[in-house]
Amino acid sequence: MAKKLYVSNSEKSIRLFENPFLEALSKVHFSIPLFVFLPIIGYLYYLGIAGGMSIGSFALWVVGGFVVWTITEYALHRFVFHYHPTSEFGKKIHFIFHGIHHDYPRDRLRLVMPPSVSIPLATGFFFLFRAFVDAPELYPFFGAFLNGYLIYDMFHYAIHHLEVKGKLWNTLKTHHLKHHYNDPDKGFGVSSPIWDIIAGSDFDKGKLNH
């Protein structure tokens, strides 16, 4: 794939839709996912504990939920968000969902997933997991899965807009910015580079070209 020729460093949002309602749905303040999902996550954890789970079992299912999220994050980013359709309609859909972020990576209102997308996706994943995991184990597992998603969303915003000190944070930030400014066909993990390392899509060692 050819490297991108256009990357804007503007923090302003471009207009995606002529329809004002659709345009509003495509933007979101970074804090909104916290208000939407933190109460749900807390309730799911409560249901697991109230369902009589032992502390050890609860913890194992929480770890499992986080692990499955990291795999999901990587797979969605690599195989869905970076799938490049050939039809004009497909190209438009791709730009709306992810292409715009690569053209305008510092757009403050299009850095976290809007509830118009995240809520239907979360609902779909819940029913998918329910087909394989029974209650009460489903609750801490899915709670941790959503917890992983929130960490991903907050990390993504912070990487592009906050100055956070620390060696681990700098490693994560450099990893993601290389995806934007060096090679968009590598570095698909945002909250963790582990699956890039395992799947062979990590970057060669070198400086960030930005």
Protein backbone atom coordinates (compact mmCIF):
# COMPACT_ATOMS: atom_id res chain seq x y z
CA MET A 1 0.00 0.00 0.00
CA ALA A 2 1.26 3.50 -0.85
CA LYS A 3 2.04 5.78 2.04
CA LYS A 4 -0.50 8.50 2.72
CA LEU A 5 0.17 11.83 1.07
CA TYR A 6 -2.04 13.94 3.33
CA VAL A 7 -2.00 14.27 7.11
CA SER A 8 -3.42 17.36 8.79
CA ASN A 9 -2.33 18.47 12.25
CA SER A 10 -5.41 20.63 12.71
CA GLU A 11 -7.48 19.98 15.82
CA LYS A 12 -10.65 21.19 14.08
CA SER A 13 -13.27 18.84 12.65
CA ILE A 14 -14.14 18.74 8.99
CA ARG A 15 -17.75 18.18 7.98
CA LEU A 16 -18.64 14.60 7.08
CA PHE A 17 -22.39 14.81 6.52
CA GLU A 18 -24.72 17.43 5.11
CA ASN A 19 -27.42 16.17 7.45
CA PRO A 20 -26.88 17.97 10.82
CA PHE A 21 -28.18 15.00 12.84
CA LEU A 22 -25.75 12.56 11.21
CA GLU A 23 -22.96 15.10 11.57
CA ALA A 24 -23.68 15.41 15.31
CA LEU A 25 -23.65 11.62 15.70
CA SER A 26 -20.17 11.45 14.14
CA LYS A 27 -18.59 13.64 16.84
CA VAL A 28 -18.13 13.06 20.54
CA HIS A 29 -16.24 14.59 23.47
CA PHE A 30 -13.66 12.14 24.81
CA SER A 31 -15.39 11.94 28.22
CA ILE A 32 -18.73 10.66 26.90
CA PRO A 33 -17.74 6.96 26.75
CA LEU A 34 -16.85 7.17 30.45
CA PHE A 35 -20.35 8.37 31.35
CA VAL A 36 -21.95 5.75 29.12
CA PHE A 37 -19.93 2.65 29.99
CA LEU A 38 -18.57 3.06 33.54
CA PRO A 39 -22.02 2.51 35.14
CA ILE A 40 -22.57 -0.52 32.91
CA ILE A 41 -19.16 -1.96 33.82
CA GLY A 42 -19.80 -1.41 37.53
CA TYR A 43 -23.19 -3.10 37.28
CA LEU A 44 -21.73 -6.08 35.41
CA TYR A 45 -19.05 -6.54 38.09
CA TYR A 46 -21.75 -6.32 40.74
CA LEU A 47 -23.83 -9.00 38.99
CA GLY A 48 -20.82 -11.31 38.94
CA ILE A 49 -20.16 -10.90 42.65
CA ALA A 50 -23.87 -11.07 43.53
CA GLY A 51 -24.10 -14.25 41.46
CA GLY A 52 -21.97 -16.06 44.03
CA MET A 53 -18.65 -16.18 42.21
CA SER A 54 -15.52 -16.73 44.26
CA ILE A 55 -12.86 -14.00 44.23
CA GLY A 56 -10.48 -16.28 42.33
CA SER A 57 -13.02 -17.17 39.66
CA PHE A 58 -14.13 -13.54 39.34
CA ALA A 59 -10.51 -12.42 38.86
CA LEU A 60 -9.82 -15.08 36.22
CA TRP A 61 -12.85 -14.08 34.16
CA VAL A 62 -11.85 -10.42 34.45
CA VAL A 63 -8.36 -11.25 33.14
CA GLY A 64 -9.97 -13.27 30.36
CA GLY A 65 -12.15 -10.34 29.36
CA PHE A 66 -9.17 -8.00 29.16
CA VAL A 67 -7.18 -10.50 27.07
CA VAL A 68 -10.06 -10.99 24.64
CA TRP A 69 -10.40 -7.22 24.33
CA THR A 70 -6.73 -6.83 23.34
CA ILE A 71 -7.20 -9.45 20.61
CA THR A 72 -10.42 -7.76 19.47
CA GLU A 73 -8.81 -4.31 19.44
CA TYR A 74 -5.96 -5.59 17.28
CA ALA A 75 -8.20 -7.57 14.90
CA LEU A 76 -10.72 -4.76 14.41
CA HIS A 77 -8.01 -2.20 13.76
CA ARG A 78 -5.99 -4.37 11.39
CA PHE A 79 -8.63 -6.30 9.47
CA VAL A 80 -11.71 -4.04 9.62
CA PHE A 81 -10.51 -0.44 9.99
CA HIS A 82 -7.61 -1.04 7.61
CA TYR A 83 -9.50 -3.06 5.05
CA HIS A 84 -9.32 -1.11 1.80
CA PRO A 85 -12.43 -1.58 -0.36
CA THR A 86 -12.29 -1.05 -4.11
CA SER A 87 -15.80 0.31 -4.70
CA GLU A 88 -16.48 4.04 -4.38
CA PHE A 89 -19.22 3.40 -1.81
CA GLY A 90 -16.88 1.17 0.20
CA LYS A 91 -14.19 3.85 0.11
CA LYS A 92 -16.65 6.41 1.49
CA ILE A 93 -17.68 4.09 4.33
CA HIS A 94 -14.03 3.37 5.13
CA PHE A 95 -13.22 7.08 5.24
CA ILE A 96 -16.13 7.76 7.60
CA PHE A 97 -15.14 4.99 10.00
CA HIS A 98 -11.36 5.30 10.02
CA GLY A 99 -9.83 7.05 7.03
CA ILE A 100 -10.74 10.45 8.42
CA HIS A 101 -8.73 9.70 11.56
CA HIS A 102 -5.61 9.08 9.50
CA ASP A 103 -6.14 12.29 7.53
CA TYR A 104 -7.00 14.30 10.66
CA PRO A 105 -5.36 12.42 13.58
CA ARG A 106 -5.62 15.39 15.96
CA ASP A 107 -9.34 16.06 15.47
CA ARG A 108 -10.47 16.25 19.10
CA LEU A 109 -14.06 15.23 18.38
CA ARG A 110 -13.28 12.13 16.33
CA LEU A 111 -10.73 10.36 18.49
CA VAL A 112 -13.00 8.17 20.61
CA MET A 113 -15.80 6.02 19.25
CA PRO A 114 -19.18 7.80 19.32
CA PRO A 115 -21.99 6.02 21.24
CA SER A 116 -23.93 5.75 17.97
CA VAL A 117 -21.31 3.14 16.99
CA SER A 118 -19.96 1.82 20.30
CA ILE A 119 -23.33 0.94 21.86
CA PRO A 120 -24.54 -1.22 18.92
CA LEU A 121 -21.10 -2.87 18.74
CA ALA A 122 -21.06 -3.56 22.48
CA THR A 123 -24.57 -5.02 22.28
CA GLY A 124 -23.50 -7.31 19.43
CA PHE A 125 -20.46 -8.52 21.37
CA PHE A 126 -22.57 -9.15 24.46
CA PHE A 127 -24.90 -11.50 22.60
CA LEU A 128 -21.96 -13.16 20.87
CA PHE A 129 -20.24 -13.88 24.18
CA ARG A 130 -23.51 -14.98 25.77
CA ALA A 131 -23.67 -17.80 23.22
CA PHE A 132 -20.44 -19.22 24.68
CA VAL A 133 -20.28 -18.05 28.32
CA ASP A 134 -22.99 -18.61 30.92
CA ALA A 135 -24.00 -16.30 33.75
CA PRO A 136 -22.66 -15.28 36.21
CA GLU A 137 -19.23 -15.71 34.58
CA LEU A 138 -20.41 -13.71 31.57
CA TYR A 139 -20.77 -10.56 33.67
CA PRO A 140 -17.17 -10.00 34.89
CA PHE A 141 -15.89 -11.24 31.53
CA PHE A 142 -17.94 -8.74 29.54
CA GLY A 143 -17.39 -6.02 32.15
CA ALA A 144 -13.63 -6.41 31.71
CA PHE A 145 -14.04 -6.48 27.93
CA LEU A 146 -15.81 -3.10 28.09
CA ASN A 147 -13.20 -1.92 30.59
CA GLY A 148 -10.53 -2.76 28.04
CA TYR A 149 -12.42 -0.79 25.41
CA LEU A 150 -12.56 2.28 27.70
CA ILE A 151 -8.83 2.05 28.37
CA TYR A 152 -8.25 1.87 24.62
CA ASP A 153 -10.43 4.94 23.96
CA MET A 154 -8.85 7.00 26.74
CA PHE A 155 -5.32 5.96 25.76
CA HIS A 156 -6.05 6.85 22.16
CA TYR A 157 -7.19 10.33 23.09
CA ALA A 158 -4.28 10.86 25.49
CA ILE A 159 -1.71 9.70 22.92
CA HIS A 160 -2.84 12.39 20.51
CA HIS A 161 -3.54 15.21 22.95
CA LEU A 162 -1.95 14.81 26.38
CA GLU A 163 1.63 14.97 27.59
CA VAL A 164 2.14 12.04 29.96
CA LYS A 165 5.58 11.22 31.33
CA GLY A 166 6.94 7.73 31.79
CA LYS A 167 8.92 5.14 29.82
CA LEU A 168 5.97 2.78 29.33
CA TRP A 169 3.70 5.60 28.17
CA ASN A 170 6.33 6.91 25.75
CA THR A 171 6.64 3.40 24.30
CA LEU A 172 2.88 3.19 23.69
CA LYS A 173 2.73 6.72 22.27
CA THR A 174 5.65 6.19 19.91
CA HIS A 175 4.16 2.88 18.76
CA HIS A 176 0.86 4.49 17.79
CA LEU A 177 2.33 7.64 16.26
CA LYS A 178 4.55 5.49 14.06
CA HIS A 179 1.34 3.89 12.79
CA HIS A 180 0.16 7.35 11.76
CA TYR A 181 3.35 8.98 10.55
CA ASN A 182 5.70 6.14 9.51
CA ASP A 183 3.74 3.13 8.28
CA PRO A 184 -0.07 2.67 8.56
CA ASP A 185 0.34 -1.02 7.65
CA LYS A 186 2.07 -1.77 10.96
CA GLY A 187 1.44 -1.05 14.64
CA PHE A 188 -2.27 -1.82 14.98
CA GLY A 189 -2.30 -2.19 18.76
CA VAL A 190 -3.12 1.03 20.63
CA SER A 191 -3.45 0.06 24.28
CA SER A 192 -0.77 -2.63 23.87
CA PRO A 193 1.76 -3.63 21.20
CA ILE A 194 1.72 -7.29 22.27
CA TRP A 195 -0.30 -8.63 19.33
CA ASP A 196 1.81 -6.66 16.84
CA ILE A 197 4.85 -8.43 18.26
CA ILE A 198 3.14 -11.84 18.14
CA ALA A 199 1.62 -11.36 14.68
CA GLY A 200 4.73 -9.84 13.11
CA SER A 201 3.20 -6.41 12.43
CA ASP A 202 5.46 -4.48 14.80
CA PHE A 203 7.83 -1.76 13.58
CA ASP A 204 11.51 -2.16 12.97
CA LYS A 205 13.49 -0.22 15.52
CA GLY A 206 13.99 3.37 14.46
CA LYS A 207 12.97 6.95 15.07
CA LEU A 208 9.56 8.46 14.52
CA ASN A 209 9.32 10.36 11.25
CA HIS A 210 7.26 13.28 12.54
